Amino acid sequence: QVQLQESGGGLVQAGGSLRLSCAASGRTFSSYAMGWFRQAPGKEREFVAAISRSGDSTYYGDNVKGRFTISRDNAKNTVYLRMDSLKPEETAVYYCAATSTSSTYYSRRYLYDYWGQGTQVTVSS
């Protein structure tokens, strides 16, 4: 069992930056690839970014490439999402997730075994 807890959300102006953190507890963190998703009201949960177990490989949704950066610190059992140049339409609840599967299809929600409760990000115009 893995417990995930996101933090770092809040209110930011358009063009601003935030860094989200997701702390994991339970089984060995480095055994899991990690992902970030987001869900705006009335919309489906959307893939944002993912990172492999070692951190050597990263994957991004088309909408965030070049602006968001995912990273992890296996010694601290934490994955991060640095978000720059935020846009109002990126207002959403951001979730981190963990998967024990090694794959290149990290954008697929069904791949993930564990999810956090989410953290709200609000981008004002």
N, C-alpha and C. Protein backbone atom coordinates (compact mmCIF):
# COMPACT_ATOMS: atom_id res chain seq x y z
N GLN A 1 0.84 -1.19 0.00
CA GLN A 1 0.00 0.00 0.00
C GLN A 1 0.88 1.25 0.00
N VAL A 2 0.50 2.23 -0.77
CA VAL A 2 1.22 3.50 -0.85
C VAL A 2 0.24 4.63 -0.56
N GLN A 3 0.62 5.51 0.32
CA GLN A 3 -0.18 6.71 0.60
C GLN A 3 0.52 7.90 -0.03
N LEU A 4 -0.27 8.72 -0.70
CA LEU A 4 0.26 9.89 -1.40
C LEU A 4 -0.41 11.15 -0.87
N GLN A 5 0.38 12.17 -0.63
CA GLN A 5 -0.16 13.43 -0.11
C GLN A 5 0.43 14.59 -0.90
N GLU A 6 -0.43 15.29 -1.62
CA GLU A 6 0.01 16.46 -2.39
C GLU A 6 0.01 17.71 -1.52
N SER A 7 0.85 18.65 -1.90
CA SER A 7 0.87 19.95 -1.25
C SER A 7 1.43 20.97 -2.24
N GLY A 8 1.29 22.24 -1.89
CA GLY A 8 1.87 23.30 -2.70
C GLY A 8 0.90 24.02 -3.60
N GLY A 9 -0.36 23.59 -3.63
CA GLY A 9 -1.34 24.29 -4.44
C GLY A 9 -1.69 25.64 -3.84
N GLY A 10 -2.43 26.43 -4.60
CA GLY A 10 -2.84 27.73 -4.12
C GLY A 10 -3.30 28.62 -5.25
N LEU A 11 -3.34 29.90 -4.95
CA LEU A 11 -3.79 30.91 -5.91
C LEU A 11 -2.58 31.62 -6.49
N VAL A 12 -2.54 31.72 -7.81
CA VAL A 12 -1.43 32.38 -8.48
C VAL A 12 -1.98 33.16 -9.66
N GLN A 13 -1.33 34.24 -10.01
CA GLN A 13 -1.75 35.03 -11.16
C GLN A 13 -1.28 34.36 -12.46
N ALA A 14 -1.98 34.64 -13.52
CA ALA A 14 -1.58 34.14 -14.82
C ALA A 14 -0.14 34.56 -15.12
N GLY A 15 0.63 33.61 -15.63
CA GLY A 15 2.04 33.85 -15.89
C GLY A 15 2.95 33.50 -14.74
N GLY A 16 2.35 33.21 -13.60
CA GLY A 16 3.13 32.90 -12.42
C GLY A 16 3.53 31.44 -12.35
N SER A 17 4.15 31.09 -11.22
CA SER A 17 4.68 29.74 -11.04
C SER A 17 4.26 29.15 -9.71
N LEU A 18 4.21 27.84 -9.68
CA LEU A 18 3.98 27.09 -8.45
C LEU A 18 4.80 25.82 -8.52
N ARG A 19 5.14 25.29 -7.35
CA ARG A 19 5.75 23.97 -7.30
C ARG A 19 4.91 23.08 -6.39
N LEU A 20 4.41 22.02 -6.96
CA LEU A 20 3.66 21.03 -6.21
C LEU A 20 4.60 19.94 -5.72
N SER A 21 4.26 19.39 -4.57
CA SER A 21 4.99 18.26 -4.03
C SER A 21 4.02 17.13 -3.74
N CYS A 22 4.53 15.92 -3.82
CA CYS A 22 3.73 14.75 -3.48
C CYS A 22 4.63 13.83 -2.65
N ALA A 23 4.28 13.70 -1.39
CA ALA A 23 5.05 12.85 -0.48
C ALA A 23 4.41 11.47 -0.41
N ALA A 24 5.24 10.46 -0.51
CA ALA A 24 4.76 9.09 -0.50
C ALA A 24 5.21 8.37 0.75
N SER A 25 4.35 7.53 1.26
CA SER A 25 4.71 6.69 2.40
C SER A 25 4.26 5.27 2.10
N GLY A 26 4.79 4.35 2.82
CA GLY A 26 4.42 2.97 2.59
C GLY A 26 5.55 2.20 1.94
N ARG A 27 5.24 1.48 0.88
CA ARG A 27 6.23 0.64 0.24
C ARG A 27 7.27 1.45 -0.51
N THR A 28 8.29 0.82 -0.97
CA THR A 28 9.46 1.48 -1.54
C THR A 28 9.08 2.42 -2.67
N PHE A 29 9.34 3.69 -2.45
CA PHE A 29 8.98 4.74 -3.40
C PHE A 29 9.64 4.52 -4.75
N SER A 30 10.88 4.11 -4.74
CA SER A 30 11.61 3.97 -6.00
C SER A 30 11.12 2.81 -6.85
N SER A 31 10.19 2.03 -6.33
CA SER A 31 9.59 0.94 -7.10
C SER A 31 8.45 1.42 -7.99
N TYR A 32 8.11 2.70 -7.86
CA TYR A 32 6.95 3.24 -8.56
C TYR A 32 7.32 4.36 -9.50
N ALA A 33 6.79 4.30 -10.70
CA ALA A 33 6.77 5.48 -11.55
C ALA A 33 5.66 6.38 -11.03
N MET A 34 5.85 7.68 -11.22
CA MET A 34 4.91 8.64 -10.66
C MET A 34 4.34 9.54 -11.74
N GLY A 35 3.10 9.91 -11.54
CA GLY A 35 2.45 10.80 -12.51
C GLY A 35 1.70 11.91 -11.83
N TRP A 36 1.48 12.97 -12.60
CA TRP A 36 0.62 14.06 -12.18
C TRP A 36 -0.53 14.18 -13.19
N PHE A 37 -1.73 14.33 -12.66
CA PHE A 37 -2.92 14.55 -13.47
C PHE A 37 -3.64 15.77 -12.90
N ARG A 38 -4.57 16.30 -13.67
CA ARG A 38 -5.38 17.41 -13.18
C ARG A 38 -6.80 17.25 -13.67
N GLN A 39 -7.71 17.82 -12.90
CA GLN A 39 -9.12 17.75 -13.26
C GLN A 39 -9.80 19.07 -12.94
N ALA A 40 -10.31 19.69 -13.97
CA ALA A 40 -11.07 20.93 -13.82
C ALA A 40 -12.55 20.57 -13.66
N PRO A 41 -13.33 21.45 -13.08
CA PRO A 41 -14.77 21.17 -12.89
C PRO A 41 -15.45 20.84 -14.21
N GLY A 42 -16.17 19.74 -14.21
CA GLY A 42 -16.92 19.36 -15.39
C GLY A 42 -16.10 18.73 -16.50
N LYS A 43 -14.82 18.50 -16.23
CA LYS A 43 -13.95 17.92 -17.25
C LYS A 43 -13.35 16.61 -16.77
N GLU A 44 -12.85 15.84 -17.72
CA GLU A 44 -12.20 14.59 -17.37
C GLU A 44 -10.80 14.85 -16.79
N ARG A 45 -10.35 13.88 -16.03
CA ARG A 45 -9.00 13.97 -15.49
C ARG A 45 -7.99 13.87 -16.63
N GLU A 46 -7.04 14.79 -16.62
CA GLU A 46 -6.12 14.96 -17.74
C GLU A 46 -4.68 14.68 -17.31
N PHE A 47 -3.96 13.97 -18.15
CA PHE A 47 -2.55 13.70 -17.88
C PHE A 47 -1.73 14.98 -17.99
N VAL A 48 -0.83 15.16 -17.01
CA VAL A 48 0.06 16.32 -17.02
C VAL A 48 1.50 15.90 -17.27
N ALA A 49 2.00 14.99 -16.42
CA ALA A 49 3.40 14.60 -16.54
C ALA A 49 3.63 13.30 -15.80
N ALA A 50 4.72 12.61 -16.15
CA ALA A 50 5.08 11.39 -15.46
C ALA A 50 6.60 11.26 -15.45
N ILE A 51 7.07 10.44 -14.51
CA ILE A 51 8.51 10.24 -14.39
C ILE A 51 8.76 8.79 -14.04
N SER A 52 9.80 8.23 -14.61
CA SER A 52 10.12 6.83 -14.38
C SER A 52 10.63 6.60 -12.96
N ARG A 53 10.82 5.36 -12.61
CA ARG A 53 11.23 5.00 -11.25
C ARG A 53 12.54 5.66 -10.85
N SER A 54 13.48 5.65 -11.77
CA SER A 54 14.80 6.21 -11.47
C SER A 54 14.86 7.72 -11.67
N GLY A 55 13.88 8.24 -12.41
CA GLY A 55 13.90 9.66 -12.75
C GLY A 55 14.59 9.96 -14.06
N ASP A 56 15.09 8.93 -14.73
CA ASP A 56 15.83 9.14 -15.97
C ASP A 56 14.93 9.55 -17.14
N SER A 57 13.67 9.14 -17.07
CA SER A 57 12.76 9.43 -18.18
C SER A 57 11.58 10.23 -17.69
N THR A 58 11.21 11.23 -18.45
CA THR A 58 10.05 12.06 -18.13
C THR A 58 9.13 12.16 -19.33
N TYR A 59 7.86 12.40 -19.06
CA TYR A 59 6.84 12.44 -20.09
C TYR A 59 5.90 13.60 -19.75
N TYR A 60 5.43 14.28 -20.79
CA TYR A 60 4.59 15.45 -20.57
C TYR A 60 3.40 15.45 -21.51
N GLY A 61 2.29 15.99 -21.01
CA GLY A 61 1.17 16.24 -21.88
C GLY A 61 1.50 17.37 -22.84
N ASP A 62 0.90 17.35 -23.99
CA ASP A 62 1.21 18.34 -25.01
C ASP A 62 0.95 19.76 -24.51
N ASN A 63 -0.05 19.92 -23.66
CA ASN A 63 -0.43 21.26 -23.20
C ASN A 63 0.56 21.90 -22.24
N VAL A 64 1.47 21.10 -21.68
CA VAL A 64 2.36 21.64 -20.66
C VAL A 64 3.84 21.56 -21.04
N LYS A 65 4.14 20.95 -22.16
CA LYS A 65 5.54 20.81 -22.58
C LYS A 65 6.22 22.16 -22.66
N GLY A 66 7.41 22.22 -22.08
CA GLY A 66 8.18 23.45 -22.11
C GLY A 66 7.88 24.39 -20.95
N ARG A 67 6.80 24.13 -20.22
CA ARG A 67 6.43 25.01 -19.10
C ARG A 67 6.45 24.29 -17.75
N PHE A 68 6.17 23.02 -17.76
CA PHE A 68 6.13 22.23 -16.53
C PHE A 68 7.33 21.29 -16.49
N THR A 69 7.80 21.03 -15.27
CA THR A 69 8.92 20.10 -15.08
C THR A 69 8.61 19.16 -13.93
N ILE A 70 8.69 17.87 -14.20
CA ILE A 70 8.50 16.87 -13.16
C ILE A 70 9.87 16.37 -12.73
N SER A 71 9.99 16.12 -11.43
CA SER A 71 11.24 15.59 -10.89
C SER A 71 10.92 14.76 -9.66
N ARG A 72 11.90 14.02 -9.20
CA ARG A 72 11.67 13.21 -8.00
C ARG A 72 12.94 13.12 -7.19
N ASP A 73 12.76 12.91 -5.91
CA ASP A 73 13.86 12.68 -4.99
C ASP A 73 13.54 11.39 -4.26
N ASN A 74 14.15 10.31 -4.66
CA ASN A 74 13.84 9.01 -4.07
C ASN A 74 14.31 8.92 -2.62
N ALA A 75 15.29 9.69 -2.25
CA ALA A 75 15.74 9.69 -0.86
C ALA A 75 14.71 10.33 0.06
N LYS A 76 13.91 11.23 -0.51
CA LYS A 76 12.89 11.93 0.28
C LYS A 76 11.48 11.41 -0.01
N ASN A 77 11.39 10.38 -0.85
CA ASN A 77 10.07 9.81 -1.19
C ASN A 77 9.11 10.88 -1.70
N THR A 78 9.61 11.74 -2.54
CA THR A 78 8.80 12.87 -2.99
C THR A 78 8.96 13.09 -4.49
N VAL A 79 7.85 13.42 -5.13
CA VAL A 79 7.86 13.83 -6.53
C VAL A 79 7.36 15.27 -6.59
N TYR A 80 7.91 16.02 -7.53
CA TYR A 80 7.60 17.44 -7.64
C TYR A 80 7.05 17.76 -9.03
N LEU A 81 6.29 18.84 -9.08
CA LEU A 81 5.85 19.36 -10.36
C LEU A 81 6.04 20.87 -10.32
N ARG A 82 7.01 21.33 -11.08
CA ARG A 82 7.25 22.76 -11.20
C ARG A 82 6.41 23.26 -12.38
N MET A 83 5.60 24.29 -12.12
CA MET A 83 4.69 24.81 -13.14
C MET A 83 5.01 26.28 -13.38
N ASP A 84 5.40 26.61 -14.57
CA ASP A 84 5.71 27.98 -14.94
C ASP A 84 4.73 28.48 -16.00
N SER A 85 4.65 29.79 -16.12
CA SER A 85 3.78 30.42 -17.13
C SER A 85 2.36 29.86 -17.07
N LEU A 86 1.82 29.82 -15.88
CA LEU A 86 0.49 29.23 -15.69
C LEU A 86 -0.59 30.06 -16.38
N LYS A 87 -1.62 29.37 -16.82
CA LYS A 87 -2.73 29.99 -17.53
C LYS A 87 -4.01 29.78 -16.75
N PRO A 88 -4.97 30.69 -16.86
CA PRO A 88 -6.24 30.54 -16.12
C PRO A 88 -6.94 29.21 -16.41
N GLU A 89 -6.84 28.72 -17.63
CA GLU A 89 -7.51 27.47 -17.97
C GLU A 89 -6.85 26.25 -17.32
N GLU A 90 -5.74 26.47 -16.64
CA GLU A 90 -5.10 25.38 -15.92
C GLU A 90 -5.54 25.29 -14.47
N THR A 91 -6.52 26.07 -14.13
CA THR A 91 -7.15 25.95 -12.82
C THR A 91 -7.80 24.57 -12.71
N ALA A 92 -7.40 23.85 -11.67
CA ALA A 92 -7.87 22.47 -11.52
C ALA A 92 -7.39 21.92 -10.19
N VAL A 93 -7.90 20.75 -9.87
CA VAL A 93 -7.32 19.97 -8.78
C VAL A 93 -6.23 19.09 -9.40
N TYR A 94 -5.06 19.15 -8.81
CA TYR A 94 -3.92 18.39 -9.31
C TYR A 94 -3.69 17.18 -8.41
N TYR A 95 -3.56 16.02 -9.05
CA TYR A 95 -3.40 14.76 -8.34
C TYR A 95 -2.07 14.12 -8.70
N CYS A 96 -1.44 13.52 -7.71
CA CYS A 96 -0.31 12.66 -8.04
C CYS A 96 -0.77 11.21 -7.94
N ALA A 97 -0.06 10.35 -8.65
CA ALA A 97 -0.43 8.95 -8.72
C ALA A 97 0.83 8.11 -8.87
N ALA A 98 0.71 6.85 -8.44
CA ALA A 98 1.84 5.93 -8.47
C ALA A 98 1.47 4.66 -9.20
N THR A 99 2.39 4.17 -9.99
CA THR A 99 2.18 2.90 -10.68
C THR A 99 3.41 2.02 -10.55
N SER A 100 3.16 0.72 -10.35
CA SER A 100 4.25 -0.24 -10.27
C SER A 100 4.60 -0.79 -11.65
N THR A 101 3.86 -0.38 -12.65
CA THR A 101 4.06 -0.86 -14.01
C THR A 101 5.10 -0.03 -14.73
N SER A 102 6.00 -0.70 -15.41
CA SER A 102 6.97 -0.02 -16.24
C SER A 102 6.41 0.05 -17.65
N SER A 103 6.22 1.26 -18.14
CA SER A 103 5.53 1.41 -19.42
C SER A 103 5.93 2.74 -20.05
N THR A 104 5.59 2.86 -21.30
CA THR A 104 5.73 4.17 -21.96
C THR A 104 4.37 4.86 -22.05
N TYR A 105 3.33 4.21 -21.54
CA TYR A 105 1.98 4.75 -21.64
C TYR A 105 1.54 5.38 -20.33
N TYR A 106 2.38 6.19 -19.76
CA TYR A 106 2.09 6.77 -18.46
C TYR A 106 0.97 7.80 -18.48
N SER A 107 0.51 8.17 -19.64
CA SER A 107 -0.62 9.10 -19.73
C SER A 107 -1.95 8.41 -19.46
N ARG A 108 -1.95 7.10 -19.40
CA ARG A 108 -3.19 6.34 -19.21
C ARG A 108 -3.52 6.22 -17.72
N ARG A 109 -4.69 6.73 -17.36
CA ARG A 109 -5.08 6.72 -15.95
C ARG A 109 -5.18 5.31 -15.38
N TYR A 110 -5.59 4.36 -16.18
CA TYR A 110 -5.83 3.00 -15.66
C TYR A 110 -4.53 2.33 -15.22
N LEU A 111 -3.41 2.90 -15.62
CA LEU A 111 -2.12 2.31 -15.28
C LEU A 111 -1.76 2.49 -13.81
N TYR A 112 -2.39 3.46 -13.16
CA TYR A 112 -1.97 3.87 -11.83
C TYR A 112 -2.72 3.12 -10.74
N ASP A 113 -1.95 2.71 -9.72
CA ASP A 113 -2.50 1.91 -8.63
C ASP A 113 -2.97 2.76 -7.47
N TYR A 114 -2.30 3.88 -7.24
CA TYR A 114 -2.58 4.70 -6.07
C TYR A 114 -2.69 6.17 -6.48
N TRP A 115 -3.58 6.86 -5.78
CA TRP A 115 -3.83 8.27 -6.05
C TRP A 115 -3.84 9.06 -4.75
N GLY A 116 -3.40 10.31 -4.84
CA GLY A 116 -3.53 11.21 -3.71
C GLY A 116 -4.90 11.87 -3.71
N GLN A 117 -5.13 12.72 -2.70
CA GLN A 117 -6.41 13.40 -2.56
C GLN A 117 -6.53 14.65 -3.43
N GLY A 118 -5.40 15.13 -3.89
CA GLY A 118 -5.42 16.29 -4.78
C GLY A 118 -5.14 17.60 -4.06
N THR A 119 -4.65 18.56 -4.80
CA THR A 119 -4.41 19.90 -4.29
C THR A 119 -4.93 20.91 -5.32
N GLN A 120 -5.62 21.91 -4.84
CA GLN A 120 -6.26 22.88 -5.73
C GLN A 120 -5.24 23.91 -6.22
N VAL A 121 -5.25 24.13 -7.51
CA VAL A 121 -4.46 25.20 -8.13
C VAL A 121 -5.43 26.13 -8.83
N THR A 122 -5.39 27.39 -8.46
CA THR A 122 -6.25 28.39 -9.08
C THR A 122 -5.39 29.47 -9.71
N VAL A 123 -5.61 29.67 -11.00
CA VAL A 123 -4.83 30.67 -11.74
C VAL A 123 -5.77 31.81 -12.11
N SER A 124 -5.50 32.98 -11.58
CA SER A 124 -6.37 34.13 -11.84
C SER A 124 -5.88 34.89 -13.07
N SER A 125 -6.83 35.49 -13.77
CA SER A 125 -6.48 36.24 -14.99
C SER A 125 -6.21 37.70 -14.69
